[in-house]
Protein backbone atom coordinates (compact mmCIF):
# COMPACT_ATOMS: atom_id res chain seq x y z
CA UNK A 1 -80.01 68.24 -38.90
CA UNK A 2 -79.71 67.43 -42.65
CA UNK A 3 -81.83 64.30 -43.89
CA UNK A 4 -82.20 62.69 -47.02
CA UNK A 5 -84.94 60.67 -48.06
CA UNK A 6 -85.81 58.19 -50.29
CA UNK A 7 -89.10 58.71 -52.78
CA UNK A 8 -90.61 56.06 -50.35
CA UNK A 9 -89.89 58.09 -47.35
CA UNK A 10 -87.21 56.14 -45.79
CA UNK A 11 -84.45 58.26 -44.20
CA UNK A 12 -81.31 57.59 -46.03
CA UNK A 13 -78.73 59.99 -44.39
CA UNK A 14 -78.84 62.21 -41.22
CA UNK A 15 -75.83 64.45 -40.58
CA UNK A 16 -75.23 65.04 -36.96
CA UNK A 17 -72.08 67.27 -37.06
CA UNK A 18 -73.88 69.69 -35.26
CA UNK A 19 -75.52 67.61 -32.37
CA UNK A 20 -71.94 65.62 -31.73
CA UNK A 21 -68.44 67.54 -33.11
CA UNK A 22 -66.88 64.27 -32.61
CA UNK A 23 -68.64 63.13 -35.85
CA UNK A 24 -66.65 65.63 -38.10
CA UNK A 25 -63.89 63.93 -39.45
CA UNK A 26 -61.68 66.70 -39.87
CA UNK A 27 -61.48 67.07 -36.09
CA UNK A 28 -59.86 63.55 -36.05
CA UNK A 29 -56.17 62.79 -36.29
CA UNK A 30 -54.97 61.72 -39.49
CA UNK A 31 -54.29 58.37 -38.94
CA UNK A 32 -57.89 57.51 -37.27
CA UNK A 33 -59.33 59.55 -40.55
CA UNK A 34 -57.77 58.02 -42.89
CA UNK A 35 -58.53 54.14 -41.50
CA UNK A 36 -62.09 55.56 -40.65
CA UNK A 37 -62.75 56.10 -44.33
CA UNK A 38 -60.78 52.90 -45.89
CA UNK A 39 -63.19 51.04 -43.68
CA UNK A 40 -66.16 53.40 -44.93
CA UNK A 41 -65.29 52.85 -48.23
CA UNK A 42 -64.72 48.47 -47.86
CA UNK A 43 -68.02 48.60 -46.12
CA UNK A 44 -69.74 50.68 -49.12
CA UNK A 45 -68.14 48.47 -51.93
CA UNK A 46 -69.18 45.20 -49.77
CA UNK A 47 -72.73 46.56 -49.70
CA UNK A 48 -72.75 47.60 -53.19
CA UNK A 49 -71.49 44.05 -54.78
C-alpha cells in the first residue's frame, strides 16, 4: 500500500490496487474506464474551482 501525506501528516492518497484488483482502471472495459475518468476529472475540477 502506498500513501502520500501532507506536511501536517494528513493522508492524501492510498493506492489499494494490491488489495483490490477491481480498482485497477486497466482491468475495466473501455466505456466504463472512460466514464470513470470523465467523472473524476469533473469532480476534481469542481473541487479546485
